[in-house]
């Protein structure tokens, strides 16, 4: 696996707390918790909050307004991800004995295949600060919209264009994807929940500062 060798950036001045820009957004920051594909809180996640570049936060605000008008709220699982977190993912991938969360997140794949198929990157767009993992929540029921597979399930069923799901599940994915595309985000081909800002402000910079609202105020 290729590991980042360029020294990561530590300047958070172009980043904002997502909740300040989109106060109606719901956050369930999985890598702050232990319910993720590794089973531990991930390095660099010091607070369960979403950080994004200012440009990405503004674009996501527009998406949120559209979804609110249709009866949905956005729910974010991850946004900015420090380089040290990605490094933790890589080290996990090397450890053949740690399979604690395999039944829940990668039941049909081994770790090498998870990386080879792009579900986990050794150099993540999240570390540039303009990528986000999210879903929709139905404002009437208060529940997540059925997308056909849960967040971070590393399986073909999670591909946005997978048609082995119900028409309703596929339609739900397209509601989210269409709104994200219309507001300047691009999807990837293996995860229905992942989007990156097309005109990201730091296309060649990977950041290392921690996920912490306090750090933005330093």
N, C-alpha and C. Protein backbone atom coordinates (compact mmCIF):
# COMPACT_ATOMS: atom_id res chain seq x y z
N UNK A 1 0.83 -1.20 0.00
CA UNK A 1 0.00 0.00 0.00
C UNK A 1 0.87 1.25 0.00
N UNK A 2 0.46 2.24 -0.77
CA UNK A 2 1.20 3.50 -0.79
C UNK A 2 0.76 4.35 0.39
N UNK A 3 1.72 4.90 1.10
CA UNK A 3 1.44 5.75 2.26
C UNK A 3 1.90 7.17 1.96
N UNK A 4 1.16 8.17 2.44
CA UNK A 4 1.50 9.56 2.20
C UNK A 4 2.89 9.87 2.77
N UNK A 5 3.73 10.47 1.96
CA UNK A 5 5.07 10.83 2.42
C UNK A 5 5.23 12.34 2.55
N UNK A 6 4.43 13.12 1.84
CA UNK A 6 4.49 14.56 1.94
C UNK A 6 3.99 15.00 3.31
N UNK A 7 4.66 15.97 3.91
CA UNK A 7 4.27 16.44 5.23
C UNK A 7 2.87 17.06 5.18
N UNK A 8 1.91 16.57 5.98
CA UNK A 8 0.55 17.10 5.94
C UNK A 8 0.49 18.52 6.50
N UNK A 9 -0.53 19.25 6.09
CA UNK A 9 -0.71 20.63 6.54
C UNK A 9 -1.46 20.66 7.87
N UNK A 10 -1.13 21.69 8.68
CA UNK A 10 -1.75 21.82 10.00
C UNK A 10 -2.61 23.07 10.14
N UNK A 11 -2.72 23.89 9.11
CA UNK A 11 -3.42 25.16 9.19
C UNK A 11 -4.92 24.97 8.95
N UNK A 12 -5.77 25.17 9.97
CA UNK A 12 -7.21 24.97 9.81
C UNK A 12 -7.98 26.24 9.42
N UNK A 13 -7.28 27.28 9.01
CA UNK A 13 -7.94 28.58 8.83
C UNK A 13 -9.01 28.57 7.74
N UNK A 14 -8.94 27.66 6.80
CA UNK A 14 -9.95 27.59 5.75
C UNK A 14 -11.11 26.68 6.07
N UNK A 15 -11.15 26.16 7.30
CA UNK A 15 -12.16 25.19 7.71
C UNK A 15 -13.17 25.82 8.67
N UNK A 16 -14.36 25.22 8.69
CA UNK A 16 -15.42 25.69 9.58
C UNK A 16 -16.09 24.49 10.25
N UNK A 17 -16.77 24.78 11.33
CA UNK A 17 -17.61 23.78 11.99
C UNK A 17 -18.90 23.68 11.19
N UNK A 18 -19.19 22.50 10.68
CA UNK A 18 -20.35 22.35 9.79
C UNK A 18 -21.64 22.80 10.45
N UNK A 19 -21.79 22.53 11.73
CA UNK A 19 -23.02 22.90 12.44
C UNK A 19 -23.25 24.41 12.45
N UNK A 20 -22.18 25.21 12.32
CA UNK A 20 -22.35 26.67 12.26
C UNK A 20 -22.95 27.10 10.94
N UNK A 21 -22.70 26.34 9.89
CA UNK A 21 -23.21 26.68 8.56
C UNK A 21 -24.55 26.00 8.28
N UNK A 22 -24.70 24.80 8.80
CA UNK A 22 -25.92 24.02 8.55
C UNK A 22 -26.45 23.53 9.90
N UNK A 23 -27.06 24.41 10.69
CA UNK A 23 -27.46 24.04 12.06
C UNK A 23 -28.51 22.93 12.10
N UNK A 24 -29.24 22.74 11.01
CA UNK A 24 -30.29 21.72 11.00
C UNK A 24 -29.75 20.32 10.69
N UNK A 25 -28.46 20.22 10.41
CA UNK A 25 -27.89 18.95 10.01
C UNK A 25 -27.76 18.02 11.22
N UNK A 26 -27.91 16.73 10.98
CA UNK A 26 -27.75 15.71 12.02
C UNK A 26 -26.37 15.10 11.86
N UNK A 27 -25.71 14.85 12.97
CA UNK A 27 -24.36 14.30 12.90
C UNK A 27 -24.25 13.02 13.74
N UNK A 28 -23.69 12.00 13.13
CA UNK A 28 -23.36 10.75 13.81
C UNK A 28 -21.95 10.38 13.36
N UNK A 29 -20.96 10.99 13.97
CA UNK A 29 -19.58 10.86 13.51
C UNK A 29 -19.05 9.49 13.92
N UNK A 30 -19.08 8.55 13.00
CA UNK A 30 -18.81 7.15 13.30
C UNK A 30 -17.37 6.89 13.75
N UNK A 31 -16.42 7.66 13.24
CA UNK A 31 -15.03 7.37 13.59
C UNK A 31 -14.65 7.95 14.95
N UNK A 32 -15.54 8.71 15.56
CA UNK A 32 -15.36 9.12 16.94
C UNK A 32 -15.86 8.00 17.87
N UNK A 33 -16.80 7.22 17.40
CA UNK A 33 -17.36 6.12 18.17
C UNK A 33 -16.56 4.84 17.94
N UNK A 34 -17.00 3.76 18.55
CA UNK A 34 -16.37 2.45 18.31
C UNK A 34 -17.16 1.63 17.31
N UNK A 35 -18.33 2.16 16.87
CA UNK A 35 -19.11 1.41 15.88
C UNK A 35 -18.68 1.85 14.49
N UNK A 36 -17.58 1.26 14.03
CA UNK A 36 -17.05 1.49 12.69
C UNK A 36 -16.30 0.23 12.27
N UNK A 37 -15.77 0.21 11.07
CA UNK A 37 -15.20 -1.04 10.55
C UNK A 37 -13.96 -1.50 11.29
N UNK A 38 -13.34 -0.64 12.10
CA UNK A 38 -12.19 -1.04 12.90
C UNK A 38 -12.62 -1.50 14.29
N UNK A 39 -13.60 -0.81 14.88
CA UNK A 39 -14.09 -1.18 16.20
C UNK A 39 -13.50 -0.36 17.32
N UNK A 40 -12.74 0.67 16.99
CA UNK A 40 -12.15 1.58 17.97
C UNK A 40 -12.39 3.02 17.53
N UNK A 41 -12.31 3.97 18.49
CA UNK A 41 -12.28 5.36 18.07
C UNK A 41 -11.01 5.59 17.26
N UNK A 42 -11.14 6.35 16.18
CA UNK A 42 -10.03 6.50 15.24
C UNK A 42 -9.16 7.69 15.62
N UNK A 43 -7.85 7.53 15.42
CA UNK A 43 -6.88 8.58 15.73
C UNK A 43 -7.29 9.90 15.08
N UNK A 44 -7.18 10.99 15.83
CA UNK A 44 -7.46 12.31 15.29
C UNK A 44 -8.88 12.80 15.51
N UNK A 45 -9.77 11.91 15.93
CA UNK A 45 -11.16 12.31 16.18
C UNK A 45 -11.31 12.64 17.67
N UNK A 46 -11.10 13.89 18.02
CA UNK A 46 -11.13 14.33 19.41
C UNK A 46 -12.51 14.81 19.85
N UNK A 47 -13.41 15.00 18.91
CA UNK A 47 -14.75 15.49 19.21
C UNK A 47 -15.70 14.96 18.14
N UNK A 48 -16.94 14.60 18.49
CA UNK A 48 -17.88 14.09 17.50
C UNK A 48 -18.55 15.20 16.70
N UNK A 49 -17.74 15.88 15.91
CA UNK A 49 -18.26 17.00 15.11
C UNK A 49 -17.71 16.92 13.69
N UNK A 50 -18.43 17.52 12.76
CA UNK A 50 -18.00 17.53 11.37
C UNK A 50 -17.34 18.87 11.04
N UNK A 51 -16.16 18.81 10.47
CA UNK A 51 -15.46 19.98 9.96
C UNK A 51 -15.38 19.86 8.44
N UNK A 52 -15.47 21.00 7.76
CA UNK A 52 -15.34 21.04 6.31
C UNK A 52 -14.69 22.36 5.90
N UNK A 53 -14.18 22.40 4.68
CA UNK A 53 -13.75 23.69 4.15
C UNK A 53 -14.97 24.60 4.04
N UNK A 54 -14.73 25.87 4.10
CA UNK A 54 -15.82 26.84 4.04
C UNK A 54 -16.65 26.67 2.76
N UNK A 55 -15.95 26.40 1.67
CA UNK A 55 -16.64 26.25 0.38
C UNK A 55 -17.55 25.02 0.37
N UNK A 56 -17.07 23.93 0.92
CA UNK A 56 -17.88 22.71 0.96
C UNK A 56 -19.07 22.88 1.89
N UNK A 57 -18.88 23.57 3.00
CA UNK A 57 -19.97 23.81 3.94
C UNK A 57 -21.07 24.65 3.31
N UNK A 58 -20.68 25.66 2.54
CA UNK A 58 -21.68 26.49 1.86
C UNK A 58 -22.48 25.68 0.86
N UNK A 59 -21.78 24.84 0.11
CA UNK A 59 -22.47 24.01 -0.88
C UNK A 59 -23.41 23.02 -0.20
N UNK A 60 -22.99 22.48 0.93
CA UNK A 60 -23.84 21.52 1.64
C UNK A 60 -25.04 22.21 2.26
N UNK A 61 -24.90 23.47 2.60
CA UNK A 61 -26.05 24.24 3.09
C UNK A 61 -27.13 24.32 2.02
N UNK A 62 -26.73 24.51 0.78
CA UNK A 62 -27.69 24.56 -0.33
C UNK A 62 -28.38 23.22 -0.50
N UNK A 63 -27.62 22.13 -0.37
CA UNK A 63 -28.22 20.80 -0.46
C UNK A 63 -29.23 20.61 0.66
N UNK A 64 -28.87 21.01 1.86
CA UNK A 64 -29.75 20.85 3.01
C UNK A 64 -31.06 21.61 2.82
N UNK A 65 -30.98 22.81 2.28
CA UNK A 65 -32.19 23.60 2.04
C UNK A 65 -33.12 22.89 1.05
N UNK A 66 -32.55 22.33 0.00
CA UNK A 66 -33.35 21.58 -0.98
C UNK A 66 -34.02 20.38 -0.32
N UNK A 67 -33.25 19.63 0.45
CA UNK A 67 -33.78 18.42 1.08
C UNK A 67 -34.85 18.76 2.12
N UNK A 68 -34.65 19.84 2.87
CA UNK A 68 -35.66 20.26 3.84
C UNK A 68 -36.99 20.54 3.17
N UNK A 69 -36.93 21.16 2.00
CA UNK A 69 -38.15 21.48 1.26
C UNK A 69 -38.89 20.22 0.81
N UNK A 70 -38.15 19.13 0.68
CA UNK A 70 -38.75 17.85 0.25
C UNK A 70 -39.10 16.94 1.43
N UNK A 71 -38.85 17.43 2.65
CA UNK A 71 -39.20 16.65 3.82
C UNK A 71 -38.08 15.80 4.39
N UNK A 72 -36.84 16.14 4.03
CA UNK A 72 -35.69 15.37 4.52
C UNK A 72 -34.71 16.28 5.27
N UNK A 73 -33.91 15.65 6.12
CA UNK A 73 -32.75 16.32 6.70
C UNK A 73 -31.51 15.52 6.35
N UNK A 74 -30.39 16.21 6.25
CA UNK A 74 -29.13 15.53 5.99
C UNK A 74 -28.58 14.96 7.29
N UNK A 75 -28.00 13.77 7.19
CA UNK A 75 -27.33 13.14 8.32
C UNK A 75 -25.91 12.80 7.89
N UNK A 76 -24.93 13.35 8.61
CA UNK A 76 -23.52 13.22 8.23
C UNK A 76 -22.83 12.20 9.12
N UNK A 77 -22.09 11.29 8.48
CA UNK A 77 -21.30 10.28 9.19
C UNK A 77 -19.83 10.67 9.29
N UNK A 78 -19.33 11.40 8.32
CA UNK A 78 -17.93 11.81 8.34
C UNK A 78 -17.75 12.98 7.38
N UNK A 79 -16.77 13.81 7.69
CA UNK A 79 -16.45 14.95 6.81
C UNK A 79 -14.92 15.02 6.71
N UNK A 80 -14.31 16.10 7.21
CA UNK A 80 -12.85 16.16 7.23
C UNK A 80 -12.28 15.01 8.05
N UNK A 81 -11.24 14.38 7.50
CA UNK A 81 -10.59 13.23 8.16
C UNK A 81 -9.09 13.47 8.19
N UNK A 82 -8.47 13.57 9.36
CA UNK A 82 -7.03 13.83 9.41
C UNK A 82 -6.21 12.71 8.78
N UNK A 83 -5.03 13.06 8.32
CA UNK A 83 -4.12 12.08 7.72
C UNK A 83 -3.81 10.97 8.72
N UNK A 84 -3.70 11.30 10.00
CA UNK A 84 -3.38 10.27 10.99
C UNK A 84 -4.48 9.21 11.07
N UNK A 85 -5.73 9.60 10.79
CA UNK A 85 -6.82 8.63 10.76
C UNK A 85 -6.67 7.67 9.59
N UNK A 86 -6.31 8.21 8.44
CA UNK A 86 -6.08 7.38 7.26
C UNK A 86 -4.92 6.42 7.52
N UNK A 87 -3.90 6.92 8.19
CA UNK A 87 -2.76 6.06 8.54
C UNK A 87 -3.22 4.91 9.44
N UNK A 88 -4.13 5.20 10.34
CA UNK A 88 -4.69 4.15 11.21
C UNK A 88 -5.42 3.11 10.38
N UNK A 89 -6.15 3.54 9.35
CA UNK A 89 -6.83 2.60 8.47
C UNK A 89 -5.82 1.67 7.79
N UNK A 90 -4.73 2.25 7.31
CA UNK A 90 -3.71 1.46 6.62
C UNK A 90 -3.10 0.41 7.56
N UNK A 91 -2.79 0.81 8.78
CA UNK A 91 -2.22 -0.13 9.75
C UNK A 91 -3.21 -1.24 10.07
N UNK A 92 -4.47 -0.90 10.17
CA UNK A 92 -5.52 -1.90 10.39
C UNK A 92 -5.55 -2.90 9.23
N UNK A 93 -5.37 -2.41 8.02
CA UNK A 93 -5.39 -3.28 6.86
C UNK A 93 -4.27 -4.29 6.84
N UNK A 94 -3.17 -3.97 7.51
CA UNK A 94 -2.01 -4.87 7.56
C UNK A 94 -2.20 -5.96 8.61
N UNK A 95 -3.02 -5.68 9.62
CA UNK A 95 -3.21 -6.61 10.73
C UNK A 95 -4.22 -7.70 10.33
N UNK A 96 -3.72 -8.86 9.97
CA UNK A 96 -4.59 -9.94 9.51
C UNK A 96 -5.43 -10.57 10.62
N UNK A 97 -5.05 -10.34 11.87
CA UNK A 97 -5.73 -11.00 12.98
C UNK A 97 -6.94 -10.22 13.51
N UNK A 98 -6.98 -8.92 13.25
CA UNK A 98 -8.07 -8.09 13.77
C UNK A 98 -9.24 -8.12 12.80
N UNK A 99 -10.19 -8.99 13.08
CA UNK A 99 -11.37 -9.14 12.22
C UNK A 99 -12.66 -8.92 13.03
N UNK A 100 -12.57 -8.15 14.10
CA UNK A 100 -13.70 -7.96 15.00
C UNK A 100 -14.97 -7.51 14.30
N UNK A 101 -14.82 -6.57 13.37
CA UNK A 101 -15.99 -5.95 12.76
C UNK A 101 -16.32 -6.50 11.37
N UNK A 102 -15.64 -7.55 10.98
CA UNK A 102 -15.87 -8.13 9.66
C UNK A 102 -17.34 -8.50 9.40
N UNK A 103 -18.05 -9.14 10.34
CA UNK A 103 -19.44 -9.51 10.06
C UNK A 103 -20.36 -8.33 9.76
N UNK A 104 -19.98 -7.16 10.25
CA UNK A 104 -20.85 -5.99 10.14
C UNK A 104 -20.52 -5.08 8.95
N UNK A 105 -19.25 -5.03 8.53
CA UNK A 105 -18.83 -4.05 7.54
C UNK A 105 -18.18 -4.62 6.28
N UNK A 106 -17.58 -5.79 6.36
CA UNK A 106 -16.97 -6.38 5.16
C UNK A 106 -17.11 -7.90 5.19
N UNK A 107 -18.34 -8.41 5.31
CA UNK A 107 -18.57 -9.85 5.53
C UNK A 107 -18.11 -10.74 4.39
N UNK A 108 -18.06 -10.22 3.17
CA UNK A 108 -17.72 -11.07 2.02
C UNK A 108 -16.32 -10.81 1.46
N UNK A 109 -15.57 -9.88 2.08
CA UNK A 109 -14.27 -9.49 1.54
C UNK A 109 -13.18 -9.65 2.59
N UNK A 110 -11.94 -9.84 2.09
CA UNK A 110 -10.81 -9.75 3.01
C UNK A 110 -10.29 -8.31 2.98
N UNK A 111 -9.39 -7.99 3.89
CA UNK A 111 -8.94 -6.60 4.03
C UNK A 111 -8.25 -6.08 2.77
N UNK A 112 -7.42 -6.88 2.14
CA UNK A 112 -6.72 -6.43 0.95
C UNK A 112 -7.70 -6.05 -0.15
N UNK A 113 -8.78 -6.81 -0.27
CA UNK A 113 -9.78 -6.52 -1.29
C UNK A 113 -10.54 -5.24 -0.98
N UNK A 114 -10.76 -4.98 0.30
CA UNK A 114 -11.44 -3.74 0.71
C UNK A 114 -10.67 -2.53 0.18
N UNK A 115 -9.34 -2.55 0.29
CA UNK A 115 -8.52 -1.46 -0.23
C UNK A 115 -8.47 -1.48 -1.75
N UNK A 116 -8.30 -2.66 -2.33
CA UNK A 116 -8.15 -2.78 -3.79
C UNK A 116 -9.38 -2.29 -4.53
N UNK A 117 -10.54 -2.44 -3.94
CA UNK A 117 -11.79 -2.04 -4.60
C UNK A 117 -12.19 -0.60 -4.29
N UNK A 118 -11.38 0.10 -3.52
CA UNK A 118 -11.61 1.52 -3.31
C UNK A 118 -12.52 1.88 -2.16
N UNK A 119 -12.94 0.92 -1.36
CA UNK A 119 -13.80 1.24 -0.23
C UNK A 119 -13.04 2.04 0.83
N UNK A 120 -11.76 1.74 0.99
CA UNK A 120 -10.89 2.50 1.88
C UNK A 120 -9.68 2.94 1.07
N UNK A 121 -9.35 4.22 1.15
CA UNK A 121 -8.22 4.76 0.38
C UNK A 121 -7.02 4.96 1.28
N UNK A 122 -5.83 4.74 0.72
CA UNK A 122 -4.60 5.00 1.48
C UNK A 122 -4.24 6.48 1.45
N UNK A 123 -4.91 7.25 0.60
CA UNK A 123 -4.78 8.71 0.56
C UNK A 123 -6.17 9.25 0.28
N UNK A 124 -6.83 9.76 1.30
CA UNK A 124 -8.26 10.03 1.23
C UNK A 124 -8.59 11.47 0.85
N UNK A 125 -9.60 11.62 0.00
CA UNK A 125 -10.11 12.96 -0.33
C UNK A 125 -10.67 13.65 0.90
N UNK A 126 -11.09 12.89 1.90
CA UNK A 126 -11.58 13.48 3.15
C UNK A 126 -10.51 14.34 3.81
N UNK A 127 -9.25 13.96 3.64
CA UNK A 127 -8.16 14.71 4.28
C UNK A 127 -7.89 16.05 3.62
N UNK A 128 -8.49 16.29 2.45
CA UNK A 128 -8.40 17.60 1.81
C UNK A 128 -9.52 18.54 2.29
N UNK A 129 -10.46 17.99 3.03
CA UNK A 129 -11.43 18.81 3.72
C UNK A 129 -12.72 19.13 3.01
N UNK A 130 -12.91 18.60 1.79
CA UNK A 130 -14.13 18.94 1.04
C UNK A 130 -14.94 17.71 0.64
N UNK A 131 -14.74 16.61 1.36
CA UNK A 131 -15.51 15.39 1.11
C UNK A 131 -16.39 15.11 2.31
N UNK A 132 -17.53 14.47 2.04
CA UNK A 132 -18.49 14.21 3.11
C UNK A 132 -19.18 12.87 2.85
N UNK A 133 -19.46 12.14 3.93
CA UNK A 133 -20.25 10.91 3.89
C UNK A 133 -21.58 11.21 4.57
N UNK A 134 -22.68 10.95 3.87
CA UNK A 134 -23.96 11.35 4.43
C UNK A 134 -25.11 10.54 3.88
N UNK A 135 -26.26 10.69 4.52
CA UNK A 135 -27.49 10.07 4.07
C UNK A 135 -28.64 11.04 4.33
N UNK A 136 -29.87 10.56 4.13
CA UNK A 136 -31.06 11.38 4.36
C UNK A 136 -31.86 10.82 5.52
N UNK A 137 -32.52 11.70 6.24
CA UNK A 137 -33.44 11.32 7.30
C UNK A 137 -34.82 11.86 6.97
N UNK A 138 -35.82 11.00 7.07
CA UNK A 138 -37.20 11.38 6.78
C UNK A 138 -37.75 12.18 7.96
N UNK A 139 -38.16 13.40 7.71
CA UNK A 139 -38.60 14.28 8.80
C UNK A 139 -39.93 13.83 9.39
N UNK A 140 -40.73 13.07 8.65
CA UNK A 140 -42.00 12.58 9.18
C UNK A 140 -41.81 11.41 10.12
N UNK A 141 -40.96 10.48 9.74
CA UNK A 141 -40.76 9.28 10.55
C UNK A 141 -39.63 9.43 11.57
N UNK A 142 -38.70 10.37 11.31
CA UNK A 142 -37.54 10.53 12.17
C UNK A 142 -36.50 9.44 11.98
N UNK A 143 -36.63 8.68 10.90
CA UNK A 143 -35.72 7.57 10.64
C UNK A 143 -34.90 7.82 9.37
N UNK A 144 -33.76 7.16 9.29
CA UNK A 144 -32.96 7.24 8.08
C UNK A 144 -33.75 6.66 6.90
N UNK A 145 -33.58 7.27 5.75
CA UNK A 145 -34.19 6.77 4.52
C UNK A 145 -33.49 5.47 4.13
N UNK A 146 -34.25 4.51 3.62
CA UNK A 146 -33.70 3.21 3.24
C UNK A 146 -32.93 3.33 1.93
N UNK A 147 -31.62 3.19 2.03
CA UNK A 147 -30.76 3.29 0.85
C UNK A 147 -30.33 1.92 0.32
N UNK A 148 -30.84 0.86 0.91
CA UNK A 148 -30.52 -0.47 0.40
C UNK A 148 -29.31 -1.11 1.04
N UNK A 149 -28.47 -0.31 1.68
CA UNK A 149 -27.32 -0.82 2.44
C UNK A 149 -26.92 0.25 3.44
N UNK A 150 -26.35 -0.14 4.57
CA UNK A 150 -25.94 0.84 5.57
C UNK A 150 -24.61 1.51 5.21
N UNK A 151 -24.34 2.61 5.88
CA UNK A 151 -23.07 3.31 5.72
C UNK A 151 -21.89 2.39 6.03
N UNK A 152 -20.87 2.48 5.19
CA UNK A 152 -19.62 1.72 5.34
C UNK A 152 -19.78 0.22 5.22
N UNK A 153 -20.82 -0.25 4.56
CA UNK A 153 -20.87 -1.67 4.19
C UNK A 153 -20.06 -1.83 2.91
N UNK A 154 -18.93 -2.50 3.01
CA UNK A 154 -18.02 -2.64 1.87
C UNK A 154 -18.46 -3.85 1.04
N UNK A 155 -19.32 -3.56 0.08
CA UNK A 155 -19.95 -4.61 -0.70
C UNK A 155 -20.51 -3.99 -1.98
N UNK A 156 -20.67 -4.80 -2.99
CA UNK A 156 -21.19 -4.31 -4.27
C UNK A 156 -22.56 -3.65 -4.12
N UNK A 157 -23.34 -4.09 -3.15
CA UNK A 157 -24.67 -3.51 -2.96
C UNK A 157 -24.60 -2.03 -2.62
N UNK A 158 -23.45 -1.55 -2.14
CA UNK A 158 -23.30 -0.14 -1.78
C UNK A 158 -22.92 0.75 -2.96
N UNK A 159 -22.66 0.16 -4.12
CA UNK A 159 -22.35 0.98 -5.30
C UNK A 159 -23.58 1.79 -5.67
N UNK A 160 -23.44 3.07 -5.96
CA UNK A 160 -24.61 3.91 -6.24
C UNK A 160 -25.51 3.39 -7.36
N UNK A 161 -24.92 2.77 -8.36
CA UNK A 161 -25.72 2.31 -9.51
C UNK A 161 -26.13 0.84 -9.41
N UNK A 162 -25.96 0.23 -8.26
CA UNK A 162 -26.34 -1.17 -8.08
C UNK A 162 -27.86 -1.30 -8.19
N UNK A 163 -28.33 -2.23 -9.03
CA UNK A 163 -29.76 -2.35 -9.27
C UNK A 163 -30.38 -3.59 -8.62
N UNK A 164 -29.61 -4.29 -7.81
CA UNK A 164 -30.17 -5.44 -7.12
C UNK A 164 -30.88 -5.07 -5.83
N UNK A 165 -31.35 -3.84 -5.75
CA UNK A 165 -32.13 -3.36 -4.61
C UNK A 165 -33.52 -2.98 -5.11
N UNK A 166 -34.39 -2.58 -4.21
CA UNK A 166 -35.74 -2.21 -4.64
C UNK A 166 -35.73 -0.88 -5.39
N UNK A 167 -36.77 -0.66 -6.14
CA UNK A 167 -36.90 0.61 -6.86
C UNK A 167 -36.92 1.79 -5.90
N UNK A 168 -37.58 1.61 -4.76
CA UNK A 168 -37.64 2.69 -3.77
C UNK A 168 -36.26 3.01 -3.21
N UNK A 169 -35.49 1.98 -2.91
CA UNK A 169 -34.14 2.18 -2.38
C UNK A 169 -33.25 2.89 -3.41
N UNK A 170 -33.36 2.47 -4.67
CA UNK A 170 -32.56 3.12 -5.71
C UNK A 170 -33.01 4.58 -5.90
N UNK A 171 -34.31 4.80 -5.86
CA UNK A 171 -34.85 6.16 -5.99
C UNK A 171 -34.34 7.06 -4.86
N UNK A 172 -34.28 6.52 -3.65
CA UNK A 172 -33.77 7.29 -2.52
C UNK A 172 -32.32 7.69 -2.74
N UNK A 173 -31.53 6.78 -3.26
CA UNK A 173 -30.12 7.11 -3.55
C UNK A 173 -30.03 8.23 -4.57
N UNK A 174 -30.90 8.17 -5.56
CA UNK A 174 -30.85 9.17 -6.62
C UNK A 174 -31.34 10.54 -6.13
N UNK A 175 -32.26 10.58 -5.17
CA UNK A 175 -32.67 11.86 -4.59
C UNK A 175 -31.45 12.56 -4.00
N UNK A 176 -30.68 11.82 -3.20
CA UNK A 176 -29.49 12.38 -2.58
C UNK A 176 -28.44 12.74 -3.62
N UNK A 177 -28.16 11.82 -4.53
CA UNK A 177 -27.11 12.07 -5.52
C UNK A 177 -27.45 13.26 -6.41
N UNK A 178 -28.69 13.37 -6.85
CA UNK A 178 -29.09 14.47 -7.73
C UNK A 178 -28.89 15.82 -7.05
N UNK A 179 -29.29 15.91 -5.79
CA UNK A 179 -29.13 17.17 -5.05
C UNK A 179 -27.66 17.51 -4.85
N UNK A 180 -26.85 16.51 -4.56
CA UNK A 180 -25.42 16.75 -4.37
C UNK A 180 -24.76 17.19 -5.67
N UNK A 181 -25.10 16.54 -6.76
CA UNK A 181 -24.54 16.92 -8.06
C UNK A 181 -24.95 18.34 -8.43
N UNK A 182 -26.19 18.67 -8.22
CA UNK A 182 -26.70 19.99 -8.59
C UNK A 182 -25.99 21.11 -7.82
N UNK A 183 -25.47 20.78 -6.66
CA UNK A 183 -24.82 21.79 -5.83
C UNK A 183 -23.30 21.67 -5.79
N UNK A 184 -22.75 20.98 -6.80
CA UNK A 184 -21.31 21.02 -7.00
C UNK A 184 -20.49 19.88 -6.43
N UNK A 185 -21.15 18.81 -5.99
CA UNK A 185 -20.42 17.65 -5.47
C UNK A 185 -20.38 16.53 -6.50
N UNK A 186 -19.34 15.73 -6.45
CA UNK A 186 -19.21 14.56 -7.31
C UNK A 186 -19.29 13.28 -6.49
N UNK A 187 -19.95 12.24 -7.01
CA UNK A 187 -19.99 10.96 -6.31
C UNK A 187 -18.78 10.10 -6.67
N UNK A 188 -18.66 8.95 -6.01
CA UNK A 188 -17.71 7.94 -6.45
C UNK A 188 -18.49 6.67 -6.80
N UNK A 189 -17.85 5.74 -7.46
CA UNK A 189 -18.59 4.61 -8.02
C UNK A 189 -18.80 3.44 -7.06
N UNK A 190 -18.25 3.50 -5.84
CA UNK A 190 -18.37 2.33 -4.96
C UNK A 190 -19.11 2.60 -3.66
N UNK A 191 -19.49 3.87 -3.39
CA UNK A 191 -20.17 4.19 -2.14
C UNK A 191 -21.27 5.22 -2.39
N UNK A 192 -22.50 4.87 -2.14
CA UNK A 192 -23.60 5.80 -2.40
C UNK A 192 -23.56 7.01 -1.46
N UNK A 193 -22.86 6.91 -0.34
CA UNK A 193 -22.86 7.97 0.69
C UNK A 193 -21.74 9.00 0.53
N UNK A 194 -20.77 8.75 -0.34
CA UNK A 194 -19.57 9.60 -0.41
C UNK A 194 -19.64 10.61 -1.55
N UNK A 195 -19.35 11.87 -1.25
CA UNK A 195 -19.32 12.94 -2.25
C UNK A 195 -18.17 13.90 -1.94
N UNK A 196 -17.57 14.43 -3.01
CA UNK A 196 -16.49 15.42 -2.87
C UNK A 196 -16.83 16.66 -3.68
N UNK A 197 -16.52 17.83 -3.14
CA UNK A 197 -16.77 19.08 -3.84
C UNK A 197 -15.92 19.12 -5.11
N UNK A 198 -16.54 19.39 -6.24
CA UNK A 198 -15.83 19.37 -7.53
C UNK A 198 -14.73 20.43 -7.57
N UNK A 199 -15.06 21.64 -7.16
CA UNK A 199 -14.08 22.73 -7.17
C UNK A 199 -13.53 22.93 -5.76
N UNK A 200 -12.89 21.90 -5.24
CA UNK A 200 -12.39 21.97 -3.86
C UNK A 200 -11.24 22.97 -3.76
N UNK A 201 -11.14 23.68 -2.65
CA UNK A 201 -10.13 24.74 -2.52
C UNK A 201 -8.71 24.23 -2.30
N UNK A 202 -8.57 22.98 -1.83
CA UNK A 202 -7.23 22.44 -1.55
C UNK A 202 -7.05 21.09 -2.25
N UNK A 203 -7.03 21.08 -3.57
CA UNK A 203 -7.00 19.81 -4.30
C UNK A 203 -5.73 19.00 -4.13
N UNK A 204 -4.66 19.65 -3.68
CA UNK A 204 -3.38 18.95 -3.54
C UNK A 204 -2.84 18.97 -2.12
N UNK A 205 -3.68 19.34 -1.16
CA UNK A 205 -3.22 19.47 0.22
C UNK A 205 -3.97 18.50 1.13
N UNK A 206 -3.22 17.79 1.95
CA UNK A 206 -3.79 16.84 2.91
C UNK A 206 -3.48 17.34 4.31
N UNK A 207 -4.50 17.42 5.16
CA UNK A 207 -4.39 18.06 6.47
C UNK A 207 -4.30 17.04 7.60
N UNK A 208 -3.65 17.48 8.68
CA UNK A 208 -3.38 16.59 9.81
C UNK A 208 -4.02 17.05 11.12
N UNK A 209 -4.47 18.31 11.21
CA UNK A 209 -4.99 18.79 12.49
C UNK A 209 -6.20 17.96 12.93
N UNK A 210 -6.46 17.86 14.22
CA UNK A 210 -7.51 16.97 14.72
C UNK A 210 -8.93 17.47 14.43
N UNK A 211 -9.86 16.54 14.49
CA UNK A 211 -11.28 16.88 14.39
C UNK A 211 -11.70 17.41 15.75
N UNK A 212 -11.75 18.73 15.86
CA UNK A 212 -12.06 19.37 17.13
C UNK A 212 -12.49 20.80 16.87
N UNK A 213 -13.63 21.18 17.42
CA UNK A 213 -14.08 22.56 17.26
C UNK A 213 -13.14 23.52 17.98
N UNK A 214 -12.53 23.07 19.07
CA UNK A 214 -11.60 23.91 19.83
C UNK A 214 -10.37 24.26 18.99
N UNK A 215 -9.94 23.32 18.17
CA UNK A 215 -8.73 23.56 17.38
C UNK A 215 -8.96 24.68 16.37
N UNK A 216 -10.18 24.81 15.87
CA UNK A 216 -10.46 25.88 14.89
C UNK A 216 -10.33 27.26 15.52
N UNK A 217 -10.43 27.33 16.84
CA UNK A 217 -10.42 28.63 17.53
C UNK A 217 -9.02 29.03 18.00
N UNK A 218 -8.05 28.14 17.80
CA UNK A 218 -6.70 28.45 18.27
C UNK A 218 -6.06 29.55 17.44
